[in-house]
Amino acid sequence: MTGRVPYDDYLLAVALTLARRHRPVWSWQRWRRICRCGADLPCRARHRIPIRRGFWPGEEQE
């Protein structure tokens, strides 16, 4: 264990994870832009927030 995580680091990890999961992409089947998670825009899907550091982008395995 490395102890506590600074709030700024946690907030950045959450923002990057949600941005990765919820960006608009083109759907050739629906012939319009949809959310990457599969929902119609605007996406209101609720995803779990990454708590463990293994889910954080940019973290290398030790």
PDB file of N, CA and C in Angstrom:
ATOM      1  N   MET A   1       0.832  -1.187   0.000  1.00  0.00           N
ATOM      2  CA  MET A   1       0.000   0.000   0.000  1.00  0.00           C
ATOM      3  C   MET A   1       0.871   1.244   0.000  1.00  0.00           C
ATOM      4  N   THR A   2       0.490   2.203  -0.763  1.00  0.00           N
ATOM      5  CA  THR A   2       1.259   3.442  -0.819  1.00  0.00           C
ATOM      6  C   THR A   2       0.597   4.555  -0.035  1.00  0.00           C
ATOM      7  N   GLY A   3      -0.485   4.283   0.635  1.00  0.00           N
ATOM      8  CA  GLY A   3      -1.129   5.311   1.448  1.00  0.00           C
ATOM      9  C   GLY A   3      -2.253   6.013   0.716  1.00  0.00           C
ATOM     10  N   ARG A   4      -2.480   7.237   1.130  1.00  0.00           N
ATOM     11  CA  ARG A   4      -3.587   7.999   0.563  1.00  0.00           C
ATOM     12  C   ARG A   4      -3.270   8.522  -0.829  1.00  0.00           C
ATOM     13  N   VAL A   5      -4.324   8.709  -1.597  1.00  0.00           N
ATOM     14  CA  VAL A   5      -4.200   9.248  -2.945  1.00  0.00           C
ATOM     15  C   VAL A   5      -4.633  10.708  -2.903  1.00  0.00           C
ATOM     16  N   PRO A   6      -3.842  11.610  -3.467  1.00  0.00           N
ATOM     17  CA  PRO A   6      -4.273  13.009  -3.509  1.00  0.00           C
ATOM     18  C   PRO A   6      -5.575  13.145  -4.296  1.00  0.00           C
ATOM     19  N   TYR A   7      -6.425  14.047  -3.851  1.00  0.00           N
ATOM     20  CA  TYR A   7      -7.728  14.225  -4.484  1.00  0.00           C
ATOM     21  C   TYR A   7      -7.580  14.617  -5.952  1.00  0.00           C
ATOM     22  N   ASP A   8      -6.599  15.435  -6.279  1.00  0.00           N
ATOM     23  CA  ASP A   8      -6.400  15.854  -7.669  1.00  0.00           C
ATOM     24  C   ASP A   8      -6.087  14.663  -8.570  1.00  0.00           C
ATOM     25  N   ASP A   9      -5.271  13.732  -8.088  1.00  0.00           N
ATOM     26  CA  ASP A   9      -4.957  12.533  -8.875  1.00  0.00           C
ATOM     27  C   ASP A   9      -6.191  11.665  -9.074  1.00  0.00           C
ATOM     28  N   TYR A  10      -6.987  11.520  -8.019  1.00  0.00           N
ATOM     29  CA  TYR A  10      -8.212  10.723  -8.104  1.00  0.00           C
ATOM     30  C   TYR A  10      -9.191  11.355  -9.091  1.00  0.00           C
ATOM     31  N   LEU A  11      -9.365  12.670  -8.988  1.00  0.00           N
ATOM     32  CA  LEU A  11     -10.291  13.374  -9.864  1.00  0.00           C
ATOM     33  C   LEU A  11      -9.857  13.266 -11.324  1.00  0.00           C
ATOM     34  N   LEU A  12      -8.565  13.371 -11.571  1.00  0.00           N
ATOM     35  CA  LEU A  12      -8.052  13.237 -12.926  1.00  0.00           C
ATOM     36  C   LEU A  12      -8.287  11.828 -13.464  1.00  0.00           C
ATOM     37  N   ALA A  13      -8.070  10.815 -12.646  1.00  0.00           N
ATOM     38  CA  ALA A  13      -8.291   9.432 -13.076  1.00  0.00           C
ATOM     39  C   ALA A  13      -9.752   9.181 -13.416  1.00  0.00           C
ATOM     40  N   VAL A  14     -10.662   9.714 -12.617  1.00  0.00           N
ATOM     41  CA  VAL A  14     -12.095   9.548 -12.887  1.00  0.00           C
ATOM     42  C   VAL A  14     -12.474  10.254 -14.179  1.00  0.00           C
ATOM     43  N   ALA A  15     -12.008  11.478 -14.365  1.00  0.00           N
ATOM     44  CA  ALA A  15     -12.344  12.242 -15.567  1.00  0.00           C
ATOM     45  C   ALA A  15     -11.831  11.554 -16.829  1.00  0.00           C
ATOM     46  N   LEU A  16     -10.608  11.047 -16.793  1.00  0.00           N
ATOM     47  CA  LEU A  16     -10.055  10.373 -17.968  1.00  0.00           C
ATOM     48  C   LEU A  16     -10.785   9.071 -18.268  1.00  0.00           C
ATOM     49  N   THR A  17     -11.178   8.347 -17.231  1.00  0.00           N
ATOM     50  CA  THR A  17     -11.908   7.094 -17.436  1.00  0.00           C
ATOM     51  C   THR A  17     -13.279   7.351 -18.046  1.00  0.00           C
ATOM     52  N   LEU A  18     -14.010   8.325 -17.516  1.00  0.00           N
ATOM     53  CA  LEU A  18     -15.333   8.628 -18.053  1.00  0.00           C
ATOM     54  C   LEU A  18     -15.235   9.183 -19.467  1.00  0.00           C
ATOM     55  N   ALA A  19     -14.209   9.971 -19.748  1.00  0.00           N
ATOM     56  CA  ALA A  19     -14.026  10.499 -21.101  1.00  0.00           C
ATOM     57  C   ALA A  19     -13.727   9.372 -22.083  1.00  0.00           C
ATOM     58  N   ARG A  20     -12.980   8.358 -21.644  1.00  0.00           N
ATOM     59  CA  ARG A  20     -12.688   7.215 -22.506  1.00  0.00           C
ATOM     60  C   ARG A  20     -13.946   6.417 -22.807  1.00  0.00           C
ATOM     61  N   ARG A  21     -14.795   6.242 -21.826  1.00  0.00           N
ATOM     62  CA  ARG A  21     -15.982   5.398 -21.997  1.00  0.00           C
ATOM     63  C   ARG A  21     -17.129   6.113 -22.691  1.00  0.00           C
ATOM     64  N   HIS A  22     -17.183   7.425 -22.610  1.00  0.00           N
ATOM     65  CA  HIS A  22     -18.357   8.168 -23.086  1.00  0.00           C
ATOM     66  C   HIS A  22     -17.983   9.228 -24.103  1.00  0.00           C
ATOM     67  N   ARG A  23     -17.406   8.808 -25.210  1.00  0.00           N
ATOM     68  CA  ARG A  23     -17.180   9.791 -26.261  1.00  0.00           C
ATOM     69  C   ARG A  23     -18.028   9.407 -27.467  1.00  0.00           C
ATOM     70  N   PRO A  24     -18.465  10.403 -28.213  1.00  0.00           N
ATOM     71  CA  PRO A  24     -19.312  10.117 -29.373  1.00  0.00           C
ATOM     72  C   PRO A  24     -18.540   9.392 -30.472  1.00  0.00           C
ATOM     73  N   VAL A  25     -19.175   8.403 -31.069  1.00  0.00           N
ATOM     74  CA  VAL A  25     -18.612   7.672 -32.204  1.00  0.00           C
ATOM     75  C   VAL A  25     -19.701   7.510 -33.261  1.00  0.00           C
ATOM     76  N   TRP A  26     -19.285   7.273 -34.489  1.00  0.00           N
ATOM     77  CA  TRP A  26     -20.236   7.091 -35.577  1.00  0.00           C
ATOM     78  C   TRP A  26     -20.730   5.650 -35.600  1.00  0.00           C
ATOM     79  N   SER A  27     -22.046   5.478 -35.675  1.00  0.00           N
ATOM     80  CA  SER A  27     -22.646   4.153 -35.771  1.00  0.00           C
ATOM     81  C   SER A  27     -23.114   3.932 -37.206  1.00  0.00           C
ATOM     82  N   TRP A  28     -22.501   2.955 -37.877  1.00  0.00           N
ATOM     83  CA  TRP A  28     -22.908   2.657 -39.249  1.00  0.00           C
ATOM     84  C   TRP A  28     -24.254   1.956 -39.281  1.00  0.00           C
ATOM     85  N   GLN A  29     -24.619   1.281 -38.197  1.00  0.00           N
ATOM     86  CA  GLN A  29     -25.912   0.598 -38.153  1.00  0.00           C
ATOM     87  C   GLN A  29     -27.052   1.586 -37.952  1.00  0.00           C
ATOM     88  N   ARG A  30     -26.850   2.559 -37.076  1.00  0.00           N
ATOM     89  CA  ARG A  30     -27.903   3.547 -36.803  1.00  0.00           C
ATOM     90  C   ARG A  30     -27.783   4.790 -37.675  1.00  0.00           C
ATOM     91  N   TRP A  31     -26.626   4.923 -38.363  1.00  0.00           N
ATOM     92  CA  TRP A  31     -26.365   6.029 -39.274  1.00  0.00           C
ATOM     93  C   TRP A  31     -26.447   7.382 -38.577  1.00  0.00           C
ATOM     94  N   ARG A  32     -25.851   7.427 -37.405  1.00  0.00           N
ATOM     95  CA  ARG A  32     -25.759   8.664 -36.617  1.00  0.00           C
ATOM     96  C   ARG A  32     -24.713   8.469 -35.530  1.00  0.00           C
ATOM     97  N   ARG A  33     -24.422   9.545 -34.821  1.00  0.00           N
ATOM     98  CA  ARG A  33     -23.438   9.480 -33.742  1.00  0.00           C
ATOM     99  C   ARG A  33     -24.112   8.993 -32.465  1.00  0.00           C
ATOM    100  N   ILE A  34     -23.469   8.045 -31.798  1.00  0.00           N
ATOM    101  CA  ILE A  34     -23.943   7.525 -30.522  1.00  0.00           C
ATOM    102  C   ILE A  34     -22.786   7.559 -29.536  1.00  0.00           C
ATOM    103  N   CYS A  35     -23.082   7.315 -28.280  1.00  0.00           N
ATOM    104  CA  CYS A  35     -22.045   7.241 -27.262  1.00  0.00           C
ATOM    105  C   CYS A  35     -21.276   5.930 -27.432  1.00  0.00           C
ATOM    106  N   ARG A  36     -20.013   5.940 -27.058  1.00  0.00           N
ATOM    107  CA  ARG A  36     -19.184   4.743 -27.196  1.00  0.00           C
ATOM    108  C   ARG A  36     -19.722   3.579 -26.363  1.00  0.00           C
ATOM    109  N   CYS A  37     -20.449   3.869 -25.279  1.00  0.00           N
ATOM    110  CA  CYS A  37     -21.005   2.791 -24.457  1.00  0.00           C
ATOM    111  C   CYS A  37     -22.236   2.161 -25.106  1.00  0.00           C
ATOM    112  N   GLY A  38     -22.732   2.746 -26.212  1.00  0.00           N
ATOM    113  CA  GLY A  38     -23.860   2.176 -26.931  1.00  0.00           C
ATOM    114  C   GLY A  38     -25.164   2.915 -26.744  1.00  0.00           C
ATOM    115  N   ALA A  39     -25.208   3.897 -25.863  1.00  0.00           N
ATOM    116  CA  ALA A  39     -26.436   4.643 -25.600  1.00  0.00           C
ATOM    117  C   ALA A  39     -26.578   5.798 -26.589  1.00  0.00           C
ATOM    118  N   ASP A  40     -27.818   6.261 -26.748  1.00  0.00           N
ATOM    119  CA  ASP A  40     -28.052   7.439 -27.575  1.00  0.00           C
ATOM    120  C   ASP A  40     -27.505   8.667 -26.873  1.00  0.00           C
ATOM    121  N   LEU A  41     -27.143   9.669 -27.655  1.00  0.00           N
ATOM    122  CA  LEU A  41     -26.670  10.928 -27.079  1.00  0.00           C
ATOM    123  C   LEU A  41     -27.856  11.794 -26.708  1.00  0.00           C
ATOM    124  N   PRO A  42     -27.830  12.583 -25.678  1.00  0.00           N
ATOM    125  CA  PRO A  42     -26.765  12.624 -24.678  1.00  0.00           C
ATOM    126  C   PRO A  42     -26.825  11.403 -23.764  1.00  0.00           C
ATOM    127  N   CYS A  43     -25.671  10.833 -23.496  1.00  0.00           N
ATOM    128  CA  CYS A  43     -25.584   9.612 -22.706  1.00  0.00           C
ATOM    129  C   CYS A  43     -25.777   9.924 -21.226  1.00  0.00           C
ATOM    130  N   ARG A  44     -26.669   9.201 -20.604  1.00  0.00           N
ATOM    131  CA  ARG A  44     -26.889   9.370 -19.170  1.00  0.00           C
ATOM    132  C   ARG A  44     -26.587   8.082 -18.413  1.00  0.00           C
ATOM    133  N   ALA A  45     -25.834   7.200 -19.054  1.00  0.00           N
ATOM    134  CA  ALA A  45     -25.477   5.935 -18.405  1.00  0.00           C
ATOM    135  C   ALA A  45     -24.560   6.200 -17.226  1.00  0.00           C
ATOM    136  N   ARG A  46     -24.744   5.439 -16.176  1.00  0.00           N
ATOM    137  CA  ARG A  46     -23.912   5.595 -14.987  1.00  0.00           C
ATOM    138  C   ARG A  46     -22.947   4.428 -14.919  1.00  0.00           C
ATOM    139  N   HIS A  47     -21.680   4.750 -14.867  1.00  0.00           N
ATOM    140  CA  HIS A  47     -20.650   3.729 -14.773  1.00  0.00           C
ATOM    141  C   HIS A  47     -19.971   3.816 -13.425  1.00  0.00           C
ATOM    142  N   ARG A  48     -19.436   2.705 -12.996  1.00  0.00           N
ATOM    143  CA  ARG A  48     -18.696   2.690 -11.737  1.00  0.00           C
ATOM    144  C   ARG A  48     -17.442   3.526 -11.874  1.00  0.00           C
ATOM    145  N   ILE A  49     -17.110   4.226 -10.830  1.00  0.00           N
ATOM    146  CA  ILE A  49     -15.912   5.056 -10.820  1.00  0.00           C
ATOM    147  C   ILE A  49     -14.740   4.193 -10.380  1.00  0.00           C
ATOM    148  N   PRO A  50     -13.604   4.287 -11.074  1.00  0.00           N
ATOM    149  CA  PRO A  50     -12.463   3.437 -10.735  1.00  0.00           C
ATOM    150  C   PRO A  50     -11.846   3.831  -9.405  1.00  0.00           C
ATOM    151  N   ILE A  51     -11.825   2.905  -8.475  1.00  0.00           N
ATOM    152  CA  ILE A  51     -11.242   3.172  -7.169  1.00  0.00           C
ATOM    153  C   ILE A  51      -9.827   2.603  -7.108  1.00  0.00           C
ATOM    154  N   ARG A  52      -9.661   1.376  -7.582  1.00  0.00           N
ATOM    155  CA  ARG A  52      -8.335   0.757  -7.528  1.00  0.00           C
ATOM    156  C   ARG A  52      -7.410   1.404  -8.544  1.00  0.00           C
ATOM    157  N   ARG A  53      -6.159   1.494  -8.211  1.00  0.00           N
ATOM    158  CA  ARG A  53      -5.198   2.145  -9.098  1.00  0.00           C
ATOM    159  C   ARG A  53      -4.942   1.349 -10.369  1.00  0.00           C
ATOM    160  N   GLY A  54      -5.291   0.086 -10.385  1.00  0.00           N
ATOM    161  CA  GLY A  54      -5.109  -0.702 -11.591  1.00  0.00           C
ATOM    162  C   GLY A  54      -5.948  -0.214 -12.755  1.00  0.00           C
ATOM    163  N   PHE A  55      -7.049   0.469 -12.462  1.00  0.00           N
ATOM    164  CA  PHE A  55      -7.916   0.994 -13.501  1.00  0.00           C
ATOM    165  C   PHE A  55      -7.480   2.368 -13.981  1.00  0.00           C
ATOM    166  N   TRP A  56      -6.569   2.996 -13.287  1.00  0.00           N
ATOM    167  CA  TRP A  56      -6.179   4.359 -13.624  1.00  0.00           C
ATOM    168  C   TRP A  56      -5.361   4.370 -14.902  1.00  0.00           C
ATOM    169  N   PRO A  57      -5.639   5.299 -15.806  1.00  0.00           N
ATOM    170  CA  PRO A  57      -4.831   5.391 -17.021  1.00  0.00           C
ATOM    171  C   PRO A  57      -3.428   5.879 -16.707  1.00  0.00           C
ATOM    172  N   GLY A  58      -2.448   5.304 -17.375  1.00  0.00           N
ATOM    173  CA  GLY A  58      -1.074   5.748 -17.204  1.00  0.00           C
ATOM    174  C   GLY A  58      -0.339   5.122 -16.045  1.00  0.00           C
ATOM    175  N   GLU A  59      -0.981   4.256 -15.294  1.00  0.00           N
ATOM    176  CA  GLU A  59      -0.321   3.609 -14.161  1.00  0.00           C
ATOM    177  C   GLU A  59       0.365   2.335 -14.641  1.00  0.00           C
ATOM    178  N   GLU A  60       1.639   2.200 -14.339  1.00  0.00           N
ATOM    179  CA  GLU A  60       2.381   1.002 -14.697  1.00  0.00           C
ATOM    180  C   GLU A  60       2.295  -0.012 -13.559  1.00  0.00           C
ATOM    181  N   GLN A  61       2.364  -1.272 -13.931  1.00  0.00           N
ATOM    182  CA  GLN A  61       2.360  -2.331 -12.924  1.00  0.00           C
ATOM    183  C   GLN A  61       3.698  -2.345 -12.206  1.00  0.00           C
ATOM    184  N   GLU A  62       3.674  -2.482 -10.893  1.00  0.00           N
ATOM    185  CA  GLU A  62       4.914  -2.509 -10.116  1.00  0.00           C
ATOM    186  C   GLU A  62       5.320  -3.920  -9.785  1.00  0.00           C
TER     187      GLU A  62
END
